[in-house]
Protein backbone atom coordinates (compact mmCIF):
# COMPACT_ATOMS: atom_id res chain seq x y z
CA UNK A 1 32.49 1.01 -20.95
CA UNK A 2 34.26 -1.71 -22.95
CA UNK A 3 37.15 -0.61 -25.14
CA UNK A 4 38.50 -2.54 -28.09
CA UNK A 5 42.29 -2.56 -28.28
CA UNK A 6 43.44 -2.58 -31.90
CA UNK A 7 47.17 -2.35 -31.32
CA UNK A 8 50.07 -1.68 -28.95
CA UNK A 9 52.89 0.68 -29.84
CA UNK A 10 56.33 1.13 -28.38
CA UNK A 11 56.78 3.73 -25.63
CA UNK A 12 57.12 7.26 -27.03
CA UNK A 13 58.73 10.07 -25.04
CA UNK A 14 56.17 12.87 -25.23
CA UNK A 15 57.04 14.58 -21.95
CA UNK A 16 60.26 15.70 -20.21
CA UNK A 17 63.38 13.97 -21.43
CA UNK A 18 64.48 12.94 -17.95
CA UNK A 19 61.12 11.57 -16.78
CA UNK A 20 59.83 8.04 -17.04
CA UNK A 21 57.51 7.33 -19.98
CA UNK A 22 53.94 7.07 -18.60
CA UNK A 23 51.29 4.73 -20.02
CA UNK A 24 49.21 6.45 -22.71
CA UNK A 25 45.88 5.52 -24.29
CA UNK A 26 45.39 6.60 -27.91
CA UNK A 27 41.82 7.10 -29.11
CA UNK A 28 40.57 7.50 -32.68
CA UNK A 29 40.19 11.15 -33.60
CA UNK A 30 36.47 10.79 -34.31
CA UNK A 31 35.90 9.34 -30.83
CA UNK A 32 38.06 11.88 -29.00
CA UNK A 33 36.85 15.09 -27.44
CA UNK A 34 39.94 16.94 -28.63
CA UNK A 35 39.56 19.23 -31.61
CA UNK A 36 43.23 19.23 -32.57
CA UNK A 37 45.85 16.68 -33.47
CA UNK A 38 49.57 16.57 -34.15
CA UNK A 39 51.30 15.31 -37.27
CA UNK A 40 54.81 13.89 -36.90
CA UNK A 41 56.81 13.31 -40.07
CA UNK A 42 60.09 11.43 -40.32
CA UNK A 43 62.43 12.51 -43.10
CA UNK A 44 65.93 11.61 -44.21
CA UNK A 45 66.82 15.20 -45.12
CA UNK A 46 66.86 18.54 -43.33
CA UNK A 47 63.43 18.93 -41.78
CA UNK A 48 63.20 22.74 -41.57
CA UNK A 49 62.74 23.42 -45.32
CA UNK A 50 59.92 20.84 -45.37
CA UNK A 51 57.71 22.70 -42.88
CA UNK A 52 56.14 25.09 -45.47
CA UNK A 53 55.56 22.18 -47.86
CA UNK A 54 53.82 20.16 -45.12
CA UNK A 55 51.62 23.13 -44.21
CA UNK A 56 50.68 23.63 -47.86
CA UNK A 57 49.84 19.93 -48.23
CA UNK A 58 47.53 20.03 -45.19
CA UNK A 59 45.74 23.12 -46.55
CA UNK A 60 45.23 21.38 -49.90
CA UNK A 61 43.51 18.54 -48.06
CA UNK A 62 41.27 20.91 -46.10
CA UNK A 63 41.70 24.70 -46.27
CA UNK A 64 39.81 25.03 -43.00
CA UNK A 65 42.50 23.27 -40.95
CA UNK A 66 44.54 25.72 -38.90
CA UNK A 67 48.21 24.77 -38.54
CA UNK A 68 50.25 26.16 -35.62
CA UNK A 69 53.58 25.55 -33.90
CA UNK A 70 55.23 23.79 -36.80
CA UNK A 71 58.83 23.08 -35.89
CA UNK A 72 61.60 20.54 -36.28
CA UNK A 73 61.83 17.85 -33.62
CA UNK A 74 65.40 18.81 -32.74
CA UNK A 75 64.28 22.41 -32.19
CA UNK A 76 61.38 21.24 -30.05
CA UNK A 77 63.72 19.16 -27.89
CA UNK A 78 66.43 21.81 -27.62
CA UNK A 79 63.92 24.53 -26.72
CA UNK A 80 62.12 22.46 -24.11
CA UNK A 81 62.26 23.42 -20.45
CA UNK A 82 63.95 20.15 -19.49
CA UNK A 83 66.71 20.58 -22.10
CA UNK A 84 67.22 24.22 -21.08
CA UNK A 85 67.57 23.23 -17.42
CA UNK A 86 70.07 20.48 -18.15
CA UNK A 87 71.99 22.68 -20.57
CA UNK A 88 72.25 25.41 -17.93
CA UNK A 89 73.48 22.89 -15.37
CA UNK A 90 76.04 21.61 -17.87
CA UNK A 91 77.37 25.14 -18.47
CA UNK A 92 77.51 25.73 -14.71
CA UNK A 93 79.41 22.50 -14.09
CA UNK A 94 81.70 23.29 -17.03
CA UNK A 95 82.47 26.71 -15.55
CA UNK A 96 83.37 25.20 -12.19
CA UNK A 97 85.50 22.57 -13.98
CA UNK A 98 87.42 25.28 -15.84
CA UNK A 99 87.94 27.15 -12.58
CA UNK A 100 89.13 23.95 -10.90
CA UNK A 101 91.57 23.35 -13.76
CA UNK A 102 92.95 26.88 -13.43
CA UNK A 103 93.35 26.54 -9.65
CA UNK A 104 95.00 23.13 -10.11
CA UNK A 105 97.51 24.51 -12.62
CA UNK A 106 98.31 27.48 -10.38
CA UNK A 107 98.64 25.21 -7.34
CA UNK A 108 100.94 22.77 -9.13
CA UNK A 109 103.06 25.65 -10.36
CA UNK A 110 103.36 26.94 -6.79
CA UNK A 111 104.33 23.50 -5.43
CA UNK A 112 106.98 22.88 -8.10
CA UNK A 113 108.34 26.42 -7.83
CA UNK A 114 108.60 26.12 -4.04
CA UNK A 115 110.33 22.75 -4.40
CA UNK A 116 112.84 24.23 -6.86
CA UNK A 117 113.54 27.14 -4.52
CA UNK A 118 114.17 24.82 -1.58
CA UNK A 119 116.45 22.57 -3.65
CA UNK A 120 118.56 25.32 -5.18
CA UNK A 121 121.64 24.15 -3.23
CA UNK A 122 121.10 20.55 -4.39
CA UNK A 123 120.74 21.71 -7.97
CA UNK A 124 123.87 23.83 -7.61
CA UNK A 125 125.89 20.87 -6.30
CA UNK A 126 124.61 18.64 -9.13
CA UNK A 127 125.65 21.18 -11.74
CA UNK A 128 128.97 21.83 -10.02
CA UNK A 129 129.70 18.09 -10.22
CA UNK A 130 129.01 18.10 -13.95
CA UNK A 131 125.25 17.65 -14.30
CA UNK A 132 123.97 19.11 -17.52
CA UNK A 133 121.07 21.61 -17.52
CA UNK A 134 119.05 19.09 -19.55
CA UNK A 135 119.32 16.46 -16.79
CA UNK A 136 118.21 18.98 -14.16
CA UNK A 137 115.36 20.02 -16.43
CA UNK A 138 114.22 16.41 -16.83
CA UNK A 139 114.58 15.80 -13.09
CA UNK A 140 112.08 18.55 -12.25
CA UNK A 141 109.68 17.52 -15.01
CA UNK A 142 109.87 13.88 -13.89
CA UNK A 143 108.85 14.80 -10.36
CA UNK A 144 106.04 16.97 -11.71
CA UNK A 145 104.98 14.06 -13.90
CA UNK A 146 104.69 11.75 -10.90
CA UNK A 147 102.54 14.29 -9.06
CA UNK A 148 100.40 14.73 -12.16
CA UNK A 149 99.96 10.98 -12.65
CA UNK A 150 98.99 10.54 -9.00
CA UNK A 151 96.45 13.35 -9.22
CA UNK A 152 94.95 12.07 -12.47
CA UNK A 153 94.69 8.56 -11.05
CA UNK A 154 92.84 9.82 -7.98
CA UNK A 155 90.62 11.94 -10.22
CA UNK A 156 89.70 8.98 -12.41
CA UNK A 157 88.81 6.94 -9.34
CA UNK A 158 86.63 9.79 -8.07
CA UNK A 159 84.95 10.21 -11.45
CA UNK A 160 84.12 6.50 -11.54
CA UNK A 161 82.45 6.83 -8.16
CA UNK A 162 80.55 9.97 -9.16
CA UNK A 163 79.40 8.57 -12.52
CA UNK A 164 76.60 6.61 -10.87
CA UNK A 165 75.31 9.78 -9.21
CA UNK A 166 75.08 11.61 -12.55
CA UNK A 167 73.01 9.05 -14.42
CA UNK A 168 69.79 10.81 -13.49
CA UNK A 169 71.05 14.07 -15.03
CA UNK A 170 71.93 12.56 -18.41
CA UNK A 171 69.87 11.26 -21.29
CA UNK A 172 71.07 9.91 -24.59
CA UNK A 173 74.68 9.62 -23.38
CA UNK A 174 76.52 7.33 -21.00
CA UNK A 175 77.80 8.57 -17.67
CA UNK A 176 80.96 6.48 -18.13
CA UNK A 177 82.73 7.32 -21.39
CA UNK A 178 86.30 6.09 -21.80
CA UNK A 179 87.09 8.48 -24.67
CA UNK A 180 85.95 11.51 -22.65
CA UNK A 181 87.92 10.45 -19.59
CA UNK A 182 91.02 9.89 -21.72
CA UNK A 183 90.64 13.32 -23.32
CA UNK A 184 90.20 15.01 -19.93
CA UNK A 185 93.24 13.16 -18.53
CA UNK A 186 95.29 14.29 -21.53
CA UNK A 187 94.21 17.92 -21.07
CA UNK A 188 95.06 17.79 -17.37
CA UNK A 189 98.43 16.19 -18.09
CA UNK A 190 99.35 18.81 -20.68
CA UNK A 191 98.19 21.64 -18.40
CA UNK A 192 100.22 20.25 -15.48
CA UNK A 193 103.40 19.85 -17.53
CA UNK A 194 102.93 23.35 -18.90
CA UNK A 195 102.70 24.67 -15.35
CA UNK A 196 105.93 22.84 -14.51
CA UNK A 197 107.81 24.25 -17.48
CA UNK A 198 108.79 27.59 -15.92
CA UNK A 199 110.12 26.15 -12.59
CA UNK A 200 112.02 23.43 -14.48
CA UNK A 201 113.54 25.98 -16.81
CA UNK A 202 114.54 28.17 -13.88
CA UNK A 203 116.16 25.19 -12.14
CA UNK A 204 118.11 24.31 -15.27
CA UNK A 205 119.49 27.85 -15.51
CA UNK A 206 120.76 28.00 -11.91
CA UNK A 207 124.30 29.27 -11.55
CA UNK A 208 126.14 26.74 -9.30
CA UNK A 209 128.37 29.43 -7.79
CA UNK A 210 125.44 31.69 -6.93
CA UNK A 211 123.41 28.78 -5.56
CA UNK A 212 126.20 27.60 -3.25
CA UNK A 213 127.06 31.15 -2.23
CA UNK A 214 123.47 31.85 -1.20
CA UNK A 215 123.66 28.94 1.23
């Protein structure tokens, strides 16, 4: 059966957001076996208040037309099964990321605190020779800063390698976002320095006599 092509339109995503757009053939309504059709309206204002007005306009054209499932496009996308699945995965990954951040902060605190405990005699000698508490404080924070910078650098390298694996799970956003990586690095840096604050403060308040006597 010959078919006359009257036009070609750009690909429209009518299915899952993470699936490839399949080829679609549009037929005139009078030549189609379907008894329903969809109306898509683009507006520059909030679309939800316009739904009753659109329904009323359709009923003025033909009162016999039954209108169902009127909703905003954003609501249709957000309530779709594909969006729900990806949103759930994002919350799951976010939960594991928060747990990893907590474990990293606790681990860094343990490492710095253990290092301060093992170097109590060194800190005592430094202070006995005239080192100020501020210099000891900065010494501990500087070492913690180097560990933090090394960890963040390794994390950025790992995220660059994993970005290519996440492209299939994302739509509408890039897997490699410099602003996001910078924000995450800043959060990790602040969290690490916060975890180092207590051990550094304890090292700066060491009594030289007590530290040397304990050795």
